[in-house]
Every structure is written in structure tokens, then in C-alpha cells.
Amino acid sequence: GFAMGVFLNAQKSITLTVFGNCFMTHTYRIAVLGGGSFGTTLCNLVADNGHHAMLWLRNAERAEEINREHRNSYYLPDYVLNNNVHATTSIEEAIVGADMIFVAVPSGSCREVSVELAKYIRSDTMVISTTKGIEHQNFKLMSEVLTEALPENPLGVLSGPNLAKEIAAKHLTGTVVASSNTALIEKVQNALHSSYFRVYGSRDVYGVELSGALKNIYAIISGLGAAMHLGDNTRAMLMTRSLAEMSRFAVSMGANPMTFLGLAGVGDLIVTCSSSLSRNYQVGFAIGSGKTLQQATEELGQVAEGVNTLKLVKLKADDNDVYMPLASGLYEILFNNVSVEDTVSQLMLGEQSEDVEFLLANE
């Protein structure tokens, strides 16, 4: 056994002293905006860690179900939520007194929500985006959208190989929090760390966030390949060249290519390209099975982020003269009715570039 002394201040903090190791963890008031699978799972993790947890969502019936039955049957039907997850349809109620706010709404709703958030938020409240998408009008990432509405608030992003249902099932998971604000990184690590959830830090906000958006494109390609029963050699080539393509594009936008070797880059790419739980993978699989994009979207019940991201990235890559054969090939399949077979043939006849483009200088 080991000795443990516990001091509890219900208003502010819990101090734990363990034999040979002393550390302090604060209880925070945390709001999660977005009642989808990831938002609900994140709020449940927060409640499991002993923090005050508020979940904002638009659907009143779903909010009532969460408060009454401790379930979100639409997104997480197989999981019972912590009794201390409290749901509301009022942003003002959700964020009152909040120390940190996690934004987990779809990319198309981020600006609207950020404007509403600005009406009630304190200037010292930390805001962390978890949305992996790009705004249509101007190729802005979600942290940039939030910064415009909340210029005084400390901002960060959370991204990684984080399938919501696996976190809800308490499978061992790692993620990355990126920010220029050291205190934000430390407090998010403190708030979210648990026996099954580990949080790593990064300074490359743009790279971490952009990698989370870009990998959705390649998850569609991976799902398409799975439906066509491509071999392991092919899937390995596609995934590796996807990583090269993602980092090539990101560097053209100012990101650090080394970020793509971490959890937010290759880690998220692997899980999204390998798991049938990924919505983008599901869209690709449906298309590879002979369905149209419209049919695939109707089956899923919503447009996968990767479809919208593909349009924006293809346009930006063309403007910046960035070589992205996989993204361009997928664009032709989805939007110009080019057959998969013809696209694959063109890819195999295309330019054979360097295997690894971003090597350290070595005399």
C-alpha cells in the first residue's frame, strides 16, 4: 500500500499527496459547446475527472434526455453518462463562471456560435477548439474564427486520434493541446488527464489544427480503397503518401512539418484511415461500393467534414501550386464523375517525387 492524504476544498481545489509524489489538481468549471459524439464524450470525461461540467446543445429534447436519463441516445446510444453532466440549450447558462470552454460544433456553425459566445464570456476564460474543419468563405481554421470574435481570450486547439466512442469506452487514448499560452496547455492537461486519457502539449497551433482538418480528406480515400479490397501494400502506400501530401500543403501554409510526425498528424491519420467508426471513412467506403456522393451523404445523415475540406484544399493547392495528386484524384471522383479506375491509372503515371521531402540538413 501507500500513504495518501487528501485535502478537499469544494469551491476550488483538491490537493493529493501520494507517497513519493506530490501534485495538485484544481476543480474547474468547464463548458463544452456541441452535443455531438465528441462534445458529449469530452463533457463526460470532464465530469468523470470531478470538474463542474456543462454541455450546450441546440436540441431541447436531447438536452432533457441527458439530464433525465444520463444518455445521448442519438450519438452515444450504448453509453451511460456521468450524473454530473448537465445539459442546456442556453449558451449563457452553459458558460457562466466557466474557467475553460471547449468548442465542439461543426465547422459551419463555429462563427455563429463564437459571436454568441462573445456576448457572455469573461476575458480570462480559456477557449479550446476541437473542431477539425475549415471555414468556406476564407480558408480560416476554427481557432482563427474564434480569435476574431474573442480577441482577448486565451486560445488553444485540441486534436489527435480521438474516436469518440473509444474514449467513451475508456480505451487508452492520447491527444494534443496546442497553444502559444503555456498556462492554457498546463490547465487543459490538468483538467483532461485521466487513467485512460493522456494530453501532450504543442506550440504549433496552426500545424496541429490543420493536420486535423486535412486527414479527413485521406480518410475518404482510405474508405474507398477498403471497399475496393485493395491490398496491404496499397493501403500502406496511400497512407504514407497522404502524410507526405498533408505536410507538403501545410508547410506551404506556414506549419511545421515535424508536427505531422506526432499524434495530431500521423496518429490521427492512421486512426481515421483505419477505422470504420470514422464518418469520412464511411463516405469513402460507400462511394467505393458504387454509391454516389449524395447517396453516401444521405446514408450518413450529414456531410462529412472531409468533403467540404477537399473542395477548399483543392482550390488553395491550385492557387499555391502545391502538388497534391491524391486530393486532386479524389476531387475528380467526387465532383467530376471520373471513374476510380481512371483516377488510379493517372495517379500511377504521375510525377514520382522524393519519398521524404523534409529531411534535416546532413552534410
Protein backbone atom coordinates (compact mmCIF):
# COMPACT_ATOMS: atom_id res chain seq x y z
CA GLY A 1 0.00 0.00 0.00
CA PHE A 2 0.92 3.65 0.03
CA ALA A 3 0.05 6.68 2.13
CA MET A 4 -2.31 9.26 0.73
CA GLY A 5 -3.51 12.44 2.38
CA VAL A 6 -6.42 14.29 0.88
CA PHE A 7 -7.47 17.86 1.38
CA LEU A 8 -10.69 18.95 -0.32
CA ASN A 9 -11.87 22.48 -0.87
CA ALA A 10 -15.18 22.06 -2.70
CA GLN A 11 -15.07 25.54 -4.15
CA LYS A 12 -11.64 25.45 -5.69
CA SER A 13 -9.23 22.58 -5.42
CA ILE A 14 -8.31 19.07 -4.42
CA THR A 15 -4.77 18.50 -3.17
CA LEU A 16 -3.47 14.95 -3.37
CA THR A 17 -0.28 13.89 -1.60
CA VAL A 18 0.94 10.47 -2.65
CA PHE A 19 3.98 8.75 -1.11
CA GLY A 20 6.99 9.90 -3.12
CA ASN A 21 4.95 12.22 -5.34
CA CYS A 22 3.01 15.38 -4.53
CA PHE A 23 0.78 17.13 -7.02
CA MET A 24 -2.21 19.43 -7.09
CA THR A 25 -5.21 19.35 -9.35
CA HIS A 26 -7.87 22.05 -9.44
CA THR A 27 -11.54 21.59 -9.98
CA TYR A 28 -12.67 23.72 -12.91
CA ARG A 29 -15.94 24.96 -14.26
CA ILE A 30 -15.88 23.65 -17.82
CA ALA A 31 -18.37 24.15 -20.63
CA VAL A 32 -18.46 22.07 -23.80
CA LEU A 33 -20.32 23.61 -26.74
CA GLY A 34 -21.71 20.97 -29.09
CA GLY A 35 -23.75 17.90 -28.20
CA GLY A 36 -22.42 15.56 -30.89
CA SER A 37 -20.50 12.39 -30.16
CA PHE A 38 -17.17 14.09 -29.38
CA GLY A 39 -18.64 17.01 -27.43
CA THR A 40 -20.73 14.66 -25.30
CA THR A 41 -17.79 12.34 -24.72
CA LEU A 42 -15.48 15.21 -23.77
CA CYS A 43 -18.02 16.61 -21.31
CA ASN A 44 -18.41 13.16 -19.78
CA LEU A 45 -14.62 12.88 -19.38
CA VAL A 46 -14.60 16.25 -17.63
CA ALA A 47 -17.34 15.12 -15.24
CA ASP A 48 -15.54 11.82 -14.57
CA ASN A 49 -12.49 13.86 -13.56
CA GLY A 50 -14.54 15.66 -10.91
CA HIS A 51 -15.00 19.02 -12.65
CA HIS A 52 -18.20 21.02 -12.99
CA ALA A 53 -19.36 20.00 -16.48
CA MET A 54 -21.91 21.86 -18.63
CA LEU A 55 -22.88 20.71 -22.13
CA TRP A 56 -24.55 23.13 -24.54
CA LEU A 57 -26.59 21.84 -27.46
CA ARG A 58 -29.43 23.17 -29.58
CA ASN A 59 -31.79 20.19 -29.33
CA ALA A 60 -34.04 20.64 -26.28
CA GLU A 61 -35.30 17.05 -26.26
CA ARG A 62 -31.76 15.72 -26.34
CA ALA A 63 -30.74 18.06 -23.51
CA GLU A 64 -33.69 16.85 -21.44
CA GLU A 65 -32.76 13.22 -22.12
CA ILE A 66 -29.18 13.83 -20.95
CA ASN A 67 -30.36 15.49 -17.73
CA ARG A 68 -33.11 12.96 -17.01
CA GLU A 69 -31.69 9.65 -18.26
CA HIS A 70 -27.96 10.46 -18.49
CA ARG A 71 -27.83 9.34 -22.13
CA ASN A 72 -27.34 10.87 -25.54
CA SER A 73 -29.15 8.13 -27.41
CA TYR A 74 -28.69 9.76 -30.83
CA TYR A 75 -24.90 9.94 -30.78
CA LEU A 76 -23.82 7.56 -27.98
CA PRO A 77 -26.66 5.07 -27.50
CA ASP A 78 -24.50 2.44 -25.80
CA TYR A 79 -23.08 4.61 -23.03
CA VAL A 80 -24.39 5.93 -19.72
CA LEU A 81 -23.13 9.42 -18.92
CA ASN A 82 -21.82 10.67 -15.61
CA ASN A 83 -24.67 12.01 -13.44
CA ASN A 84 -22.79 15.30 -13.16
CA VAL A 85 -23.03 16.09 -16.89
CA HIS A 86 -25.58 18.89 -17.08
CA ALA A 87 -27.05 19.87 -20.46
CA THR A 88 -28.63 23.16 -21.50
CA THR A 89 -29.79 24.93 -24.65
CA SER A 90 -28.63 28.31 -23.31
CA ILE A 91 -25.06 29.34 -24.09
CA GLU A 92 -25.23 31.96 -21.35
CA GLU A 93 -26.19 29.34 -18.76
CA ALA A 94 -23.54 26.92 -20.03
CA ILE A 95 -20.59 29.31 -19.75
CA VAL A 96 -21.45 31.33 -16.64
CA GLY A 97 -18.35 31.33 -14.46
CA ALA A 98 -16.53 28.96 -16.81
CA ASP A 99 -12.76 28.63 -16.46
CA MET A 100 -12.45 26.97 -19.87
CA ILE A 101 -14.73 26.33 -22.82
CA PHE A 102 -14.28 23.58 -25.41
CA VAL A 103 -15.91 24.32 -28.76
CA ALA A 104 -17.04 21.12 -30.49
CA VAL A 105 -19.59 22.38 -33.00
CA PRO A 106 -19.44 21.64 -36.77
CA SER A 107 -17.17 24.00 -38.71
CA GLY A 108 -20.13 25.59 -40.47
CA SER A 109 -21.56 26.69 -37.11
CA CYS A 110 -18.36 27.90 -35.47
CA ARG A 111 -18.60 31.58 -36.44
CA GLU A 112 -22.24 31.86 -35.40
CA VAL A 113 -21.51 30.21 -32.05
CA SER A 114 -18.39 32.33 -31.46
CA VAL A 115 -20.37 35.55 -31.99
CA GLU A 116 -22.97 34.35 -29.49
CA LEU A 117 -20.24 33.29 -27.10
CA ALA A 118 -18.68 36.76 -27.19
CA LYS A 119 -21.82 38.25 -25.61
CA TYR A 120 -21.35 36.42 -22.32
CA ILE A 121 -17.76 35.23 -21.95
CA ARG A 122 -15.23 36.60 -19.44
CA SER A 123 -11.98 37.84 -20.98
CA ASP A 124 -9.89 35.43 -18.88
CA THR A 125 -11.84 32.31 -19.85
CA MET A 126 -9.77 29.87 -21.90
CA VAL A 127 -11.29 28.72 -25.20
CA ILE A 128 -10.18 25.49 -26.88
CA SER A 129 -11.35 24.44 -30.33
CA THR A 130 -11.82 20.73 -31.03
CA THR A 131 -13.42 21.10 -34.49
CA LYS A 132 -11.43 19.66 -37.40
CA GLY A 133 -12.57 21.77 -40.31
CA ILE A 134 -12.03 24.88 -42.42
CA GLU A 135 -14.38 27.83 -42.92
CA HIS A 136 -15.64 28.02 -46.51
CA GLN A 137 -15.53 31.72 -47.17
CA ASN A 138 -11.88 32.46 -46.45
CA PHE A 139 -9.95 29.27 -45.61
CA LYS A 140 -9.81 30.07 -41.91
CA LEU A 141 -9.30 27.40 -39.29
CA MET A 142 -11.61 27.35 -36.30
CA SER A 143 -9.09 28.92 -33.91
CA GLU A 144 -8.80 31.85 -36.33
CA VAL A 145 -12.58 32.23 -36.41
CA LEU A 146 -12.69 32.17 -32.61
CA THR A 147 -9.82 34.66 -32.32
CA GLU A 148 -11.73 37.19 -34.45
CA ALA A 149 -14.74 37.02 -32.13
CA LEU A 150 -12.79 36.60 -28.87
CA PRO A 151 -9.54 38.58 -29.27
CA GLU A 152 -8.92 38.91 -25.51
CA ASN A 153 -9.36 35.25 -24.60
CA PRO A 154 -6.51 32.71 -24.37
CA LEU A 155 -6.99 30.30 -27.31
CA GLY A 156 -5.93 26.73 -27.99
CA VAL A 157 -6.79 23.70 -30.09
CA LEU A 158 -7.25 20.04 -29.17
CA SER A 159 -6.62 17.39 -31.81
CA GLY A 160 -5.43 13.81 -32.17
CA PRO A 161 -6.52 10.22 -32.82
CA ASN A 162 -9.65 10.62 -30.74
CA LEU A 163 -12.59 8.50 -31.89
CA ALA A 164 -15.38 9.48 -29.50
CA LYS A 165 -16.85 6.03 -28.93
CA GLU A 166 -13.47 4.62 -27.94
CA ILE A 167 -12.91 7.42 -25.43
CA ALA A 168 -16.42 6.83 -24.09
CA ALA A 169 -15.46 3.16 -23.65
CA LYS A 170 -12.34 4.31 -21.76
CA HIS A 171 -9.85 2.91 -24.24
CA LEU A 172 -6.33 4.29 -23.77
CA THR A 173 -6.13 7.50 -25.81
CA GLY A 174 -3.65 10.31 -26.43
CA THR A 175 -4.36 13.80 -27.71
CA VAL A 176 -2.54 17.10 -28.29
CA VAL A 177 -3.37 20.55 -26.94
CA ALA A 178 -1.63 23.35 -28.85
CA SER A 179 -1.39 26.98 -27.81
CA SER A 180 1.04 29.87 -27.53
CA ASN A 181 -0.21 30.20 -23.96
CA THR A 182 1.75 27.93 -21.59
CA ALA A 183 -0.81 28.27 -18.79
CA LEU A 184 -3.58 27.10 -21.13
CA ILE A 185 -1.63 23.98 -22.10
CA GLU A 186 -0.95 23.11 -18.47
CA LYS A 187 -4.53 23.69 -17.34
CA VAL A 188 -6.03 21.64 -20.16
CA GLN A 189 -3.59 18.82 -19.38
CA ASN A 190 -4.58 19.07 -15.73
CA ALA A 191 -8.31 19.10 -16.50
CA LEU A 192 -8.44 16.24 -19.01
CA HIS A 193 -5.71 13.84 -17.89
CA SER A 194 -7.03 10.55 -16.55
CA SER A 195 -6.05 6.90 -16.29
CA TYR A 196 -7.09 6.39 -19.92
CA PHE A 197 -6.69 9.86 -21.47
CA ARG A 198 -3.25 11.50 -21.86
CA VAL A 199 -2.73 15.04 -23.13
CA TYR A 200 0.50 16.16 -24.83
CA GLY A 201 1.46 19.79 -25.48
CA SER A 202 2.50 21.65 -28.64
CA ARG A 203 3.30 25.22 -29.70
CA ASP A 204 2.42 24.69 -33.37
CA VAL A 205 -1.24 25.70 -33.22
CA TYR A 206 -1.63 26.03 -36.97
CA GLY A 207 0.06 22.71 -37.75
CA VAL A 208 -1.90 20.75 -35.14
CA GLU A 209 -5.19 22.22 -36.27
CA LEU A 210 -4.53 21.98 -39.99
CA SER A 211 -3.45 18.35 -39.76
CA GLY A 212 -6.74 17.51 -38.05
CA ALA A 213 -8.65 19.06 -40.93
CA LEU A 214 -6.54 17.62 -43.76
CA LYS A 215 -6.61 14.00 -42.62
CA ASN A 216 -10.38 13.87 -43.23
CA ILE A 217 -9.69 14.01 -46.99
CA TYR A 218 -7.45 10.97 -46.84
CA ALA A 219 -9.86 9.03 -44.65
CA ILE A 220 -12.32 9.20 -47.56
CA ILE A 221 -9.63 7.79 -49.85
CA SER A 222 -8.88 5.03 -47.34
CA GLY A 223 -12.54 4.05 -47.06
CA LEU A 224 -12.82 4.00 -50.82
CA GLY A 225 -9.79 1.71 -51.01
CA ALA A 226 -11.21 -0.63 -48.36
CA ALA A 227 -14.42 -1.06 -50.34
CA MET A 228 -12.35 -2.00 -53.37
CA HIS A 229 -10.46 -4.63 -51.33
CA LEU A 230 -7.07 -3.09 -52.02
CA GLY A 231 -4.10 -4.97 -50.58
CA ASP A 232 -1.96 -4.07 -47.60
CA ASN A 233 0.81 -2.78 -49.88
CA THR A 234 -1.62 -0.35 -51.49
CA ARG A 235 -3.09 0.86 -48.20
CA ALA A 236 0.40 1.41 -46.77
CA MET A 237 1.41 3.41 -49.83
CA LEU A 238 -1.78 5.50 -49.75
CA MET A 239 -1.42 6.32 -46.07
CA THR A 240 2.25 7.24 -46.31
CA ARG A 241 1.81 9.38 -49.41
CA SER A 242 -1.18 11.00 -47.71
CA LEU A 243 1.09 12.08 -44.88
CA ALA A 244 3.61 13.48 -47.38
CA GLU A 245 0.86 15.36 -49.17
CA MET A 246 -0.63 16.76 -45.96
CA SER A 247 2.73 18.03 -44.71
CA ARG A 248 3.66 19.47 -48.13
CA PHE A 249 0.45 21.50 -48.17
CA ALA A 250 0.80 22.52 -44.52
CA VAL A 251 4.35 23.80 -45.00
CA SER A 252 3.11 25.94 -47.90
CA MET A 253 0.66 27.46 -45.38
CA GLY A 254 3.32 28.08 -42.71
CA ALA A 255 3.06 24.98 -40.48
CA ASN A 256 6.00 22.99 -39.09
CA PRO A 257 6.36 19.66 -40.97
CA MET A 258 7.63 17.93 -37.81
CA THR A 259 4.20 18.39 -36.23
CA PHE A 260 2.89 15.82 -38.71
CA LEU A 261 5.05 13.12 -37.11
CA GLY A 262 3.07 13.41 -33.88
CA LEU A 263 -0.34 12.36 -32.61
CA ALA A 264 -2.18 15.22 -34.33
CA GLY A 265 -0.58 14.30 -37.67
CA VAL A 266 0.32 10.69 -38.38
CA GLY A 267 -1.55 9.47 -35.28
CA ASP A 268 -4.86 10.98 -36.33
CA LEU A 269 -4.27 9.97 -39.95
CA ILE A 270 -3.75 6.31 -39.00
CA VAL A 271 -6.85 6.01 -36.84
CA THR A 272 -9.11 7.88 -39.25
CA CYS A 273 -7.87 5.90 -42.26
CA SER A 274 -8.16 2.58 -40.43
CA SER A 275 -11.42 2.75 -38.55
CA SER A 276 -14.94 2.18 -39.81
CA LEU A 277 -16.08 4.47 -36.97
CA SER A 278 -14.81 7.47 -38.94
CA ARG A 279 -17.58 9.30 -40.82
CA ASN A 280 -15.17 10.25 -43.59
CA TYR A 281 -14.06 6.63 -43.96
CA GLN A 282 -17.73 5.62 -44.16
CA VAL A 283 -18.35 8.08 -47.00
CA GLY A 284 -15.37 6.73 -48.92
CA PHE A 285 -16.47 3.14 -48.34
CA ALA A 286 -19.95 3.90 -49.67
CA ILE A 287 -18.54 5.54 -52.80
CA GLY A 288 -16.13 2.66 -53.32
CA SER A 289 -19.14 0.34 -53.09
CA GLY A 290 -20.77 2.09 -56.05
CA LYS A 291 -22.87 4.78 -54.37
CA THR A 292 -22.89 8.45 -55.37
CA LEU A 293 -21.69 11.18 -53.04
CA GLN A 294 -25.32 12.23 -52.48
CA GLN A 295 -26.33 8.68 -51.58
CA ALA A 296 -23.35 8.31 -49.25
CA THR A 297 -24.20 11.60 -47.53
CA GLU A 298 -27.85 10.60 -47.12
CA GLU A 299 -26.81 7.29 -45.55
CA LEU A 300 -24.54 9.08 -43.10
CA GLY A 301 -27.18 11.67 -42.26
CA GLN A 302 -24.76 14.60 -42.59
CA VAL A 303 -21.99 15.90 -44.83
CA ALA A 304 -18.60 14.57 -43.67
CA GLU A 305 -16.08 17.34 -42.91
CA GLY A 306 -13.63 15.84 -45.41
CA VAL A 307 -15.94 16.52 -48.36
CA ASN A 308 -16.08 20.25 -47.61
CA THR A 309 -12.38 20.36 -46.73
CA LEU A 310 -11.47 18.71 -50.05
CA LYS A 311 -13.12 21.49 -52.06
CA LEU A 312 -11.26 24.19 -50.16
CA VAL A 313 -7.88 22.45 -50.15
CA LYS A 314 -8.06 21.66 -53.88
CA LEU A 315 -8.69 25.32 -54.68
CA LYS A 316 -5.94 26.54 -52.33
CA ALA A 317 -3.44 23.96 -53.63
CA ASP A 318 -4.10 25.03 -57.20
CA ASP A 319 -3.66 28.69 -56.26
CA ASN A 320 -0.39 27.97 -54.43
CA ASP A 321 0.90 25.45 -56.99
CA VAL A 322 1.16 22.64 -54.40
CA TYR A 323 1.39 19.13 -55.84
CA MET A 324 -1.44 17.06 -54.27
CA PRO A 325 -2.23 14.12 -56.58
CA LEU A 326 -4.32 12.16 -54.07
CA ALA A 327 -6.55 15.08 -53.14
CA SER A 328 -6.87 16.06 -56.82
CA GLY A 329 -7.76 12.49 -57.78
CA LEU A 330 -10.44 12.27 -55.10
CA TYR A 331 -11.84 15.61 -56.24
CA GLU A 332 -12.25 14.24 -59.77
CA ILE A 333 -14.06 11.16 -58.44
CA LEU A 334 -16.45 13.06 -56.18
CA PHE A 335 -17.25 16.13 -58.23
CA ASN A 336 -16.41 15.42 -61.89
CA ASN A 337 -17.69 11.83 -62.16
CA VAL A 338 -14.30 10.45 -63.18
CA SER A 339 -14.14 6.69 -62.56
CA VAL A 340 -11.99 5.33 -59.76
CA GLU A 341 -10.11 3.14 -62.26
CA ASP A 342 -9.19 6.08 -64.49
CA THR A 343 -8.12 8.13 -61.50
CA VAL A 344 -5.87 5.36 -60.18
CA SER A 345 -4.27 4.99 -63.62
CA GLN A 346 -3.49 8.71 -63.73
CA LEU A 347 -2.04 8.60 -60.22
CA MET A 348 0.33 5.76 -61.12
CA LEU A 349 1.50 7.65 -64.22
CA GLY A 350 2.04 10.89 -62.32
CA GLU A 351 5.22 12.52 -61.09
CA GLN A 352 7.44 10.34 -58.89
CA SER A 353 8.62 12.78 -56.23
CA GLU A 354 11.05 12.32 -53.32
CA ASP A 355 9.98 9.82 -50.68
CA VAL A 356 10.75 12.12 -47.73
CA GLU A 357 10.78 15.81 -48.52
CA PHE A 358 11.53 17.40 -45.15
CA LEU A 359 14.84 15.94 -44.03
CA LEU A 360 17.17 17.58 -41.53
CA ALA A 361 20.31 19.04 -43.12
CA ASN A 362 23.06 16.46 -43.12
CA GLU A 363 26.48 17.14 -44.57
